[in-house]
Amino acid sequence: MNEKEQAEEIMEKYNRDLGKFQKEASRKEFRTVLKYVANEANRKQRELVGLDKKEENS
């Protein structure tokens, strides 16, 4: 299971409710989701400034 699938599965578990997620998620779940979000933000920033080429399957 890749990072995106893990983050999606965890957020579905908390009905995509950020408040519920922050209160009830385990430390590992919280870290997994935030790591995915940070990596995606970094990827999009690199893409915008031209450091990475846009991926075809995104």
Protein backbone atom coordinates (compact mmCIF):
# COMPACT_ATOMS: atom_id res chain seq x y z
CA MET A 1 0.00 0.00 0.00
CA ASN A 2 1.50 3.33 -0.99
CA GLU A 3 1.52 6.54 1.05
CA LYS A 4 -1.51 8.04 -0.72
CA GLU A 5 -3.64 4.93 -0.20
CA GLN A 6 -2.68 4.80 3.48
CA ALA A 7 -3.58 8.47 4.02
CA GLU A 8 -6.89 8.03 2.18
CA GLU A 9 -7.78 4.95 4.24
CA ILE A 10 -6.99 6.72 7.51
CA MET A 11 -9.04 9.79 6.58
CA GLU A 12 -11.99 7.60 5.54
CA LYS A 13 -11.81 5.96 8.98
CA TYR A 14 -12.49 9.41 10.51
CA ASN A 15 -15.10 10.36 7.87
CA ARG A 16 -12.76 13.04 6.50
CA ASP A 17 -13.51 15.09 9.65
CA LEU A 18 -10.33 16.97 10.55
CA GLY A 19 -11.48 17.73 14.10
CA LYS A 20 -12.34 14.11 14.81
CA PHE A 21 -9.09 13.02 13.17
CA GLN A 22 -7.01 15.37 15.33
CA LYS A 23 -8.70 14.22 18.54
CA GLU A 24 -8.91 10.48 17.93
CA ALA A 25 -6.12 9.47 15.56
CA SER A 26 -3.13 7.59 16.87
CA ARG A 27 0.27 9.24 16.66
CA LYS A 28 1.22 6.93 13.78
CA GLU A 29 -1.96 7.72 11.80
CA PHE A 30 -1.53 11.45 12.38
CA ARG A 31 2.08 11.34 11.26
CA THR A 32 1.26 9.26 8.16
CA VAL A 33 -1.41 11.69 6.96
CA LEU A 34 0.60 14.83 7.68
CA LYS A 35 3.67 13.35 5.99
CA TYR A 36 1.62 12.64 2.87
CA VAL A 37 0.15 16.16 2.86
CA ALA A 38 3.59 17.75 3.30
CA ASN A 39 5.13 15.62 0.55
CA GLU A 40 2.32 16.53 -1.85
CA ALA A 41 2.69 20.24 -1.05
CA ASN A 42 6.43 20.04 -1.65
CA ARG A 43 5.92 18.14 -4.91
CA LYS A 44 3.46 20.74 -6.18
CA GLN A 45 5.78 23.61 -5.23
CA ARG A 46 8.69 21.99 -7.06
CA GLU A 47 6.43 21.45 -10.05
CA LEU A 48 5.34 25.10 -10.05
CA VAL A 49 8.87 26.48 -10.02
CA GLY A 50 10.05 24.00 -12.64
CA LEU A 51 12.31 21.81 -10.52
CA ASP A 52 10.24 18.72 -11.29
CA LYS A 53 8.42 17.85 -14.46
CA LYS A 54 4.67 17.38 -14.15
CA GLU A 55 3.75 13.73 -13.77
CA GLU A 56 1.42 12.31 -16.39
CA ASN A 57 -0.58 10.06 -14.02
CA SER A 58 -1.37 12.61 -11.27
